[in-house]
């Protein structure tokens, strides 16, 4: 799984879709635009990959830990991260 912060729009969204096309399962974080994040997730899933959507503010440590900590809801995180400006 590759984590893309700011994955709901712009460069982050394009990165998530491109990674899915290259065979990556993707987790995307978003701060406020849930509908946009779900649209990106749908594009990732259309590419045949899994996508986890997490509401998170990367300036909040607990949110970052939630993105990167395995849980029954997600998969083991890999060391691959893609961050985009907030």
PDB file of N, CA and C in Angstrom:
ATOM      1  N   UNK A   1       0.847  -1.182   0.000  1.00  0.00           N
ATOM      2  CA  UNK A   1       0.000   0.000   0.000  1.00  0.00           C
ATOM      3  C   UNK A   1       0.882   1.230   0.000  1.00  0.00           C
ATOM      4  N   UNK A   2       0.517   2.170  -0.833  1.00  0.00           N
ATOM      5  CA  UNK A   2       1.204   3.450  -0.865  1.00  0.00           C
ATOM      6  C   UNK A   2       0.256   4.501  -0.313  1.00  0.00           C
ATOM      7  N   UNK A   3       0.740   5.303   0.607  1.00  0.00           N
ATOM      8  CA  UNK A   3      -0.058   6.351   1.232  1.00  0.00           C
ATOM      9  C   UNK A   3       0.171   7.651   0.469  1.00  0.00           C
ATOM     10  N   UNK A   4      -0.919   8.295   0.080  1.00  0.00           N
ATOM     11  CA  UNK A   4      -0.851   9.589  -0.592  1.00  0.00           C
ATOM     12  C   UNK A   4      -1.599  10.594   0.278  1.00  0.00           C
ATOM     13  N   UNK A   5      -0.868  11.512   0.889  1.00  0.00           N
ATOM     14  CA  UNK A   5      -1.541  12.552   1.670  1.00  0.00           C
ATOM     15  C   UNK A   5      -2.038  13.619   0.704  1.00  0.00           C
ATOM     16  N   UNK A   6      -3.155  14.225   1.035  1.00  0.00           N
ATOM     17  CA  UNK A   6      -3.735  15.210   0.131  1.00  0.00           C
ATOM     18  C   UNK A   6      -4.232  14.563  -1.146  1.00  0.00           C
ATOM     19  N   UNK A   7      -4.723  13.330  -1.025  1.00  0.00           N
ATOM     20  CA  UNK A   7      -5.094  12.557  -2.197  1.00  0.00           C
ATOM     21  C   UNK A   7      -6.452  12.847  -2.777  1.00  0.00           C
ATOM     22  N   UNK A   8      -7.157  13.836  -2.258  1.00  0.00           N
ATOM     23  CA  UNK A   8      -8.512  14.082  -2.745  1.00  0.00           C
ATOM     24  C   UNK A   8      -8.575  15.039  -3.927  1.00  0.00           C
ATOM     25  N   UNK A   9      -7.469  15.717  -4.218  1.00  0.00           N
ATOM     26  CA  UNK A   9      -7.517  16.675  -5.324  1.00  0.00           C
ATOM     27  C   UNK A   9      -6.124  16.978  -5.859  1.00  0.00           C
ATOM     28  N   UNK A  10      -6.080  17.600  -6.995  1.00  0.00           N
ATOM     29  CA  UNK A  10      -4.840  18.088  -7.574  1.00  0.00           C
ATOM     30  C   UNK A  10      -3.787  17.022  -7.791  1.00  0.00           C
ATOM     31  N   UNK A  11      -2.566  17.371  -7.425  1.00  0.00           N
ATOM     32  CA  UNK A  11      -1.425  16.477  -7.620  1.00  0.00           C
ATOM     33  C   UNK A  11      -1.598  15.188  -6.828  1.00  0.00           C
ATOM     34  N   UNK A  12      -2.141  15.269  -5.622  1.00  0.00           N
ATOM     35  CA  UNK A  12      -2.345  14.067  -4.814  1.00  0.00           C
ATOM     36  C   UNK A  12      -3.309  13.089  -5.471  1.00  0.00           C
ATOM     37  N   UNK A  13      -4.401  13.608  -6.015  1.00  0.00           N
ATOM     38  CA  UNK A  13      -5.375  12.756  -6.700  1.00  0.00           C
ATOM     39  C   UNK A  13      -4.751  12.114  -7.926  1.00  0.00           C
ATOM     40  N   UNK A  14      -4.040  12.903  -8.717  1.00  0.00           N
ATOM     41  CA  UNK A  14      -3.390  12.375  -9.917  1.00  0.00           C
ATOM     42  C   UNK A  14      -2.353  11.323  -9.552  1.00  0.00           C
ATOM     43  N   UNK A  15      -1.640  11.548  -8.462  1.00  0.00           N
ATOM     44  CA  UNK A  15      -0.632  10.593  -8.006  1.00  0.00           C
ATOM     45  C   UNK A  15      -1.288   9.278  -7.602  1.00  0.00           C
ATOM     46  N   UNK A  16      -2.386   9.360  -6.865  1.00  0.00           N
ATOM     47  CA  UNK A  16      -3.082   8.145  -6.424  1.00  0.00           C
ATOM     48  C   UNK A  16      -3.562   7.321  -7.613  1.00  0.00           C
ATOM     49  N   UNK A  17      -4.157   7.973  -8.593  1.00  0.00           N
ATOM     50  CA  UNK A  17      -4.659   7.265  -9.771  1.00  0.00           C
ATOM     51  C   UNK A  17      -3.503   6.675 -10.575  1.00  0.00           C
ATOM     52  N   UNK A  18      -2.439   7.418 -10.708  1.00  0.00           N
ATOM     53  CA  UNK A  18      -1.260   6.924 -11.445  1.00  0.00           C
ATOM     54  C   UNK A  18      -0.637   5.719 -10.740  1.00  0.00           C
ATOM     55  N   UNK A  19      -0.534   5.773  -9.417  1.00  0.00           N
ATOM     56  CA  UNK A  19       0.001   4.638  -8.656  1.00  0.00           C
ATOM     57  C   UNK A  19      -0.878   3.404  -8.834  1.00  0.00           C
ATOM     58  N   UNK A  20      -2.194   3.593  -8.825  1.00  0.00           N
ATOM     59  CA  UNK A  20      -3.107   2.464  -9.028  1.00  0.00           C
ATOM     60  C   UNK A  20      -2.890   1.851 -10.407  1.00  0.00           C
ATOM     61  N   UNK A  21      -2.722   2.695 -11.410  1.00  0.00           N
ATOM     62  CA  UNK A  21      -2.482   2.201 -12.768  1.00  0.00           C
ATOM     63  C   UNK A  21      -1.174   1.410 -12.847  1.00  0.00           C
ATOM     64  N   UNK A  22      -0.235   1.756 -11.958  1.00  0.00           N
ATOM     65  CA  UNK A  22       1.053   1.058 -11.921  1.00  0.00           C
ATOM     66  C   UNK A  22       1.013  -0.178 -11.022  1.00  0.00           C
ATOM     67  N   UNK A  23      -0.172  -0.488 -10.445  1.00  0.00           N
ATOM     68  CA  UNK A  23      -0.324  -1.711  -9.664  1.00  0.00           C
ATOM     69  C   UNK A  23      -0.298  -1.563  -8.154  1.00  0.00           C
ATOM     70  N   UNK A  24      -0.326  -0.352  -7.661  1.00  0.00           N
ATOM     71  CA  UNK A  24      -0.299  -0.136  -6.207  1.00  0.00           C
ATOM     72  C   UNK A  24      -1.706  -0.115  -5.619  1.00  0.00           C
ATOM     73  N   UNK A  25      -1.878  -0.705  -4.444  1.00  0.00           N
ATOM     74  CA  UNK A  25      -3.028  -0.408  -3.608  1.00  0.00           C
ATOM     75  C   UNK A  25      -2.699   0.929  -2.958  1.00  0.00           C
ATOM     76  N   UNK A  26      -3.714   1.750  -2.731  1.00  0.00           N
ATOM     77  CA  UNK A  26      -3.468   3.124  -2.305  1.00  0.00           C
ATOM     78  C   UNK A  26      -4.320   3.471  -1.093  1.00  0.00           C
ATOM     79  N   UNK A  27      -3.738   4.224  -0.176  1.00  0.00           N
ATOM     80  CA  UNK A  27      -4.497   4.869   0.893  1.00  0.00           C
ATOM     81  C   UNK A  27      -4.375   6.361   0.657  1.00  0.00           C
ATOM     82  N   UNK A  28      -5.496   7.042   0.632  1.00  0.00           N
ATOM     83  CA  UNK A  28      -5.452   8.490   0.456  1.00  0.00           C
ATOM     84  C   UNK A  28      -6.019   9.169   1.681  1.00  0.00           C
ATOM     85  N   UNK A  29      -5.388  10.272   2.045  1.00  0.00           N
ATOM     86  CA  UNK A  29      -5.923  11.065   3.143  1.00  0.00           C
ATOM     87  C   UNK A  29      -6.491  12.351   2.559  1.00  0.00           C
ATOM     88  N   UNK A  30      -7.464  12.878   3.258  1.00  0.00           N
ATOM     89  CA  UNK A  30      -8.058  14.161   2.890  1.00  0.00           C
ATOM     90  C   UNK A  30      -8.387  14.894   4.170  1.00  0.00           C
ATOM     91  N   UNK A  31      -8.456  16.208   4.082  1.00  0.00           N
ATOM     92  CA  UNK A  31      -8.759  16.990   5.269  1.00  0.00           C
ATOM     93  C   UNK A  31     -10.222  17.402   5.324  1.00  0.00           C
ATOM     94  N   UNK A  32     -10.815  17.789   4.181  1.00  0.00           N
ATOM     95  CA  UNK A  32     -12.169  18.326   4.241  1.00  0.00           C
ATOM     96  C   UNK A  32     -13.085  17.867   3.112  1.00  0.00           C
ATOM     97  N   UNK A  33     -12.567  17.387   2.036  1.00  0.00           N
ATOM     98  CA  UNK A  33     -13.381  17.110   0.843  1.00  0.00           C
ATOM     99  C   UNK A  33     -13.665  15.621   0.695  1.00  0.00           C
ATOM    100  N   UNK A  34     -14.583  15.100   1.500  1.00  0.00           N
ATOM    101  CA  UNK A  34     -14.894  13.666   1.497  1.00  0.00           C
ATOM    102  C   UNK A  34     -15.391  13.192   0.135  1.00  0.00           C
ATOM    103  N   UNK A  35     -16.260  13.962  -0.506  1.00  0.00           N
ATOM    104  CA  UNK A  35     -16.797  13.543  -1.803  1.00  0.00           C
ATOM    105  C   UNK A  35     -15.692  13.450  -2.850  1.00  0.00           C
ATOM    106  N   UNK A  36     -14.772  14.396  -2.827  1.00  0.00           N
ATOM    107  CA  UNK A  36     -13.655  14.367  -3.775  1.00  0.00           C
ATOM    108  C   UNK A  36     -12.763  13.160  -3.501  1.00  0.00           C
ATOM    109  N   UNK A  37     -12.515  12.865  -2.218  1.00  0.00           N
ATOM    110  CA  UNK A  37     -11.693  11.703  -1.866  1.00  0.00           C
ATOM    111  C   UNK A  37     -12.355  10.411  -2.331  1.00  0.00           C
ATOM    112  N   UNK A  38     -13.662  10.303  -2.169  1.00  0.00           N
ATOM    113  CA  UNK A  38     -14.374   9.106  -2.613  1.00  0.00           C
ATOM    114  C   UNK A  38     -14.361   8.971  -4.132  1.00  0.00           C
ATOM    115  N   UNK A  39     -14.370  10.093  -4.847  1.00  0.00           N
ATOM    116  CA  UNK A  39     -14.277  10.041  -6.308  1.00  0.00           C
ATOM    117  C   UNK A  39     -12.909   9.516  -6.744  1.00  0.00           C
ATOM    118  N   UNK A  40     -11.852   9.940  -6.064  1.00  0.00           N
ATOM    119  CA  UNK A  40     -10.514   9.430  -6.368  1.00  0.00           C
ATOM    120  C   UNK A  40     -10.444   7.938  -6.038  1.00  0.00           C
ATOM    121  N   UNK A  41     -11.010   7.559  -4.902  1.00  0.00           N
ATOM    122  CA  UNK A  41     -11.016   6.142  -4.521  1.00  0.00           C
ATOM    123  C   UNK A  41     -11.734   5.304  -5.570  1.00  0.00           C
ATOM    124  N   UNK A  42     -12.822   5.817  -6.121  1.00  0.00           N
ATOM    125  CA  UNK A  42     -13.547   5.094  -7.161  1.00  0.00           C
ATOM    126  C   UNK A  42     -12.669   4.901  -8.395  1.00  0.00           C
ATOM    127  N   UNK A  43     -11.891   5.917  -8.740  1.00  0.00           N
ATOM    128  CA  UNK A  43     -10.987   5.800  -9.888  1.00  0.00           C
ATOM    129  C   UNK A  43      -9.904   4.759  -9.626  1.00  0.00           C
ATOM    130  N   UNK A  44      -9.388   4.737  -8.400  1.00  0.00           N
ATOM    131  CA  UNK A  44      -8.388   3.730  -8.029  1.00  0.00           C
ATOM    132  C   UNK A  44      -8.995   2.336  -8.137  1.00  0.00           C
ATOM    133  N   UNK A  45     -10.196   2.164  -7.645  1.00  0.00           N
ATOM    134  CA  UNK A  45     -10.860   0.852  -7.677  1.00  0.00           C
ATOM    135  C   UNK A  45     -11.193   0.426  -9.107  1.00  0.00           C
ATOM    136  N   UNK A  46     -11.531   1.394  -9.966  1.00  0.00           N
ATOM    137  CA  UNK A  46     -11.772   1.060 -11.379  1.00  0.00           C
ATOM    138  C   UNK A  46     -10.500   0.530 -12.042  1.00  0.00           C
ATOM    139  N   UNK A  47      -9.355   0.926 -11.514  1.00  0.00           N
ATOM    140  CA  UNK A  47      -8.076   0.427 -12.020  1.00  0.00           C
ATOM    141  C   UNK A  47      -7.762  -0.964 -11.468  1.00  0.00           C
ATOM    142  N   UNK A  48      -8.682  -1.485 -10.640  1.00  0.00           N
ATOM    143  CA  UNK A  48      -8.511  -2.834 -10.106  1.00  0.00           C
ATOM    144  C   UNK A  48      -7.692  -2.916  -8.833  1.00  0.00           C
ATOM    145  N   UNK A  49      -7.501  -1.796  -8.174  1.00  0.00           N
ATOM    146  CA  UNK A  49      -6.701  -1.762  -6.947  1.00  0.00           C
ATOM    147  C   UNK A  49      -7.588  -1.409  -5.751  1.00  0.00           C
ATOM    148  N   UNK A  50      -7.102  -1.724  -4.560  1.00  0.00           N
ATOM    149  CA  UNK A  50      -7.820  -1.369  -3.332  1.00  0.00           C
ATOM    150  C   UNK A  50      -7.474   0.066  -2.956  1.00  0.00           C
ATOM    151  N   UNK A  51      -8.423   0.738  -2.295  1.00  0.00           N
ATOM    152  CA  UNK A  51      -8.174   2.109  -1.853  1.00  0.00           C
ATOM    153  C   UNK A  51      -8.809   2.324  -0.490  1.00  0.00           C
ATOM    154  N   UNK A  52      -8.022   2.805   0.423  1.00  0.00           N
ATOM    155  CA  UNK A  52      -8.474   3.175   1.756  1.00  0.00           C
ATOM    156  C   UNK A  52      -8.547   4.697   1.805  1.00  0.00           C
ATOM    157  N   UNK A  53      -9.649   5.243   2.279  1.00  0.00           N
ATOM    158  CA  UNK A  53      -9.830   6.689   2.381  1.00  0.00           C
ATOM    159  C   UNK A  53      -9.854   7.049   3.863  1.00  0.00           C
ATOM    160  N   UNK A  54      -9.000   7.987   4.257  1.00  0.00           N
ATOM    161  CA  UNK A  54      -8.883   8.360   5.675  1.00  0.00           C
ATOM    162  C   UNK A  54      -8.959   9.877   5.806  1.00  0.00           C
ATOM    163  N   UNK A  55      -9.912  10.343   6.615  1.00  0.00           N
ATOM    164  CA  UNK A  55      -9.945  11.776   6.927  1.00  0.00           C
ATOM    165  C   UNK A  55      -8.842  12.040   7.941  1.00  0.00           C
ATOM    166  N   UNK A  56      -7.925  12.925   7.577  1.00  0.00           N
ATOM    167  CA  UNK A  56      -6.783  13.189   8.455  1.00  0.00           C
ATOM    168  C   UNK A  56      -6.185  14.542   8.145  1.00  0.00           C
ATOM    169  N   UNK A  57      -5.716  15.180   9.177  1.00  0.00           N
ATOM    170  CA  UNK A  57      -4.966  16.430   9.056  1.00  0.00           C
ATOM    171  C   UNK A  57      -3.519  16.080   9.366  1.00  0.00           C
ATOM    172  N   UNK A  58      -2.642  16.174   8.383  1.00  0.00           N
ATOM    173  CA  UNK A  58      -1.255  15.735   8.590  1.00  0.00           C
ATOM    174  C   UNK A  58      -0.472  16.641   9.525  1.00  0.00           C
ATOM    175  N   UNK A  59      -1.082  17.735   9.995  1.00  0.00           N
ATOM    176  CA  UNK A  59      -0.427  18.559  11.006  1.00  0.00           C
ATOM    177  C   UNK A  59      -0.768  18.087  12.419  1.00  0.00           C
ATOM    178  N   UNK A  60      -1.622  17.050  12.511  1.00  0.00           N
ATOM    179  CA  UNK A  60      -2.021  16.485  13.800  1.00  0.00           C
ATOM    180  C   UNK A  60      -1.396  15.097  13.928  1.00  0.00           C
ATOM    181  N   UNK A  61      -0.515  14.938  14.905  1.00  0.00           N
ATOM    182  CA  UNK A  61       0.240  13.691  15.061  1.00  0.00           C
ATOM    183  C   UNK A  61      -0.654  12.459  15.159  1.00  0.00           C
ATOM    184  N   UNK A  62      -1.728  12.545  15.902  1.00  0.00           N
ATOM    185  CA  UNK A  62      -2.622  11.388  16.057  1.00  0.00           C
ATOM    186  C   UNK A  62      -3.241  10.982  14.721  1.00  0.00           C
ATOM    187  N   UNK A  63      -3.548  11.956  13.876  1.00  0.00           N
ATOM    188  CA  UNK A  63      -4.091  11.632  12.557  1.00  0.00           C
ATOM    189  C   UNK A  63      -3.061  10.907  11.702  1.00  0.00           C
ATOM    190  N   UNK A  64      -1.826  11.354  11.754  1.00  0.00           N
ATOM    191  CA  UNK A  64      -0.753  10.704  10.990  1.00  0.00           C
ATOM    192  C   UNK A  64      -0.565   9.274  11.483  1.00  0.00           C
ATOM    193  N   UNK A  65      -0.603   9.068  12.776  1.00  0.00           N
ATOM    194  CA  UNK A  65      -0.474   7.719  13.322  1.00  0.00           C
ATOM    195  C   UNK A  65      -1.627   6.832  12.856  1.00  0.00           C
ATOM    196  N   UNK A  66      -2.832   7.390  12.783  1.00  0.00           N
ATOM    197  CA  UNK A  66      -3.997   6.626  12.333  1.00  0.00           C
ATOM    198  C   UNK A  66      -3.833   6.185  10.878  1.00  0.00           C
ATOM    199  N   UNK A  67      -3.250   7.022  10.049  1.00  0.00           N
ATOM    200  CA  UNK A  67      -3.027   6.671   8.648  1.00  0.00           C
ATOM    201  C   UNK A  67      -2.021   5.527   8.541  1.00  0.00           C
ATOM    202  N   UNK A  68      -0.999   5.567   9.375  1.00  0.00           N
ATOM    203  CA  UNK A  68       0.128   4.646   9.196  1.00  0.00           C
ATOM    204  C   UNK A  68       0.109   3.417  10.095  1.00  0.00           C
ATOM    205  N   UNK A  69      -0.914   3.261  10.936  1.00  0.00           N
ATOM    206  CA  UNK A  69      -0.978   2.122  11.840  1.00  0.00           C
ATOM    207  C   UNK A  69      -1.932   1.061  11.299  1.00  0.00           C
ATOM    208  N   UNK A  70      -1.468  -0.189  11.176  1.00  0.00           N
ATOM    209  CA  UNK A  70      -2.365  -1.238  10.689  1.00  0.00           C
ATOM    210  C   UNK A  70      -3.569  -1.418  11.609  1.00  0.00           C
ATOM    211  N   UNK A  71      -4.689  -1.741  11.027  1.00  0.00           N
ATOM    212  CA  UNK A  71      -5.889  -2.034  11.798  1.00  0.00           C
ATOM    213  C   UNK A  71      -6.698  -3.059  11.016  1.00  0.00           C
ATOM    214  N   UNK A  72      -7.720  -3.619  11.634  1.00  0.00           N
ATOM    215  CA  UNK A  72      -8.569  -4.561  10.890  1.00  0.00           C
ATOM    216  C   UNK A  72      -9.213  -3.917   9.662  1.00  0.00           C
ATOM    217  N   UNK A  73      -9.341  -2.586   9.660  1.00  0.00           N
ATOM    218  CA  UNK A  73      -9.967  -1.876   8.543  1.00  0.00           C
ATOM    219  C   UNK A  73      -9.044  -1.705   7.345  1.00  0.00           C
ATOM    220  N   UNK A  74      -7.732  -1.792   7.552  1.00  0.00           N
ATOM    221  CA  UNK A  74      -6.842  -1.521   6.431  1.00  0.00           C
ATOM    222  C   UNK A  74      -5.804  -2.617   6.282  1.00  0.00           C
ATOM    223  N   UNK A  75      -4.722  -2.315   5.613  1.00  0.00           N
ATOM    224  CA  UNK A  75      -3.684  -3.299   5.345  1.00  0.00           C
ATOM    225  C   UNK A  75      -2.400  -2.833   5.979  1.00  0.00           C
ATOM    226  N   UNK A  76      -1.423  -3.709   5.976  1.00  0.00           N
ATOM    227  CA  UNK A  76      -0.122  -3.312   6.513  1.00  0.00           C
ATOM    228  C   UNK A  76       0.443  -2.188   5.661  1.00  0.00           C
ATOM    229  N   UNK A  77       0.848  -1.097   6.298  1.00  0.00           N
ATOM    230  CA  UNK A  77       1.423  -0.023   5.491  1.00  0.00           C
ATOM    231  C   UNK A  77       2.816  -0.390   4.988  1.00  0.00           C
ATOM    232  N   UNK A  78       3.130   0.096   3.833  1.00  0.00           N
ATOM    233  CA  UNK A  78       4.480  -0.073   3.286  1.00  0.00           C
ATOM    234  C   UNK A  78       5.239   1.225   3.550  1.00  0.00           C
ATOM    235  N   UNK A  79       6.525   1.211   3.282  1.00  0.00           N
ATOM    236  CA  UNK A  79       7.275   2.440   3.497  1.00  0.00           C
ATOM    237  C   UNK A  79       7.043   3.483   2.408  1.00  0.00           C
ATOM    238  N   UNK A  80       6.213   3.207   1.435  1.00  0.00           N
ATOM    239  CA  UNK A  80       5.986   4.147   0.345  1.00  0.00           C
ATOM    240  C   UNK A  80       4.995   5.219   0.753  1.00  0.00           C
ATOM    241  N   UNK A  81       5.415   6.459   0.673  1.00  0.00           N
ATOM    242  CA  UNK A  81       4.560   7.605   1.000  1.00  0.00           C
ATOM    243  C   UNK A  81       4.684   8.638  -0.110  1.00  0.00           C
ATOM    244  N   UNK A  82       3.625   9.324  -0.408  1.00  0.00           N
ATOM    245  CA  UNK A  82       3.648  10.458  -1.327  1.00  0.00           C
ATOM    246  C   UNK A  82       2.902  11.584  -0.626  1.00  0.00           C
ATOM    247  N   UNK A  83       3.591  12.681  -0.383  1.00  0.00           N
ATOM    248  CA  UNK A  83       2.943  13.781   0.311  1.00  0.00           C
ATOM    249  C   UNK A  83       2.760  14.953  -0.648  1.00  0.00           C
ATOM    250  N   UNK A  84       1.646  15.629  -0.501  1.00  0.00           N
ATOM    251  CA  UNK A  84       1.368  16.806  -1.297  1.00  0.00           C
ATOM    252  C   UNK A  84       1.095  17.955  -0.366  1.00  0.00           C
ATOM    253  N   UNK A  85       1.375  19.168  -0.790  1.00  0.00           N
ATOM    254  CA  UNK A  85       1.144  20.317   0.098  1.00  0.00           C
ATOM    255  C   UNK A  85      -0.312  20.449   0.475  1.00  0.00           C
ATOM    256  N   UNK A  86      -0.545  20.889   1.707  1.00  0.00           N
ATOM    257  CA  UNK A  86      -1.920  21.086   2.199  1.00  0.00           C
ATOM    258  C   UNK A  86      -2.503  22.350   1.609  1.00  0.00           C
TER     259      UNK A  86
END
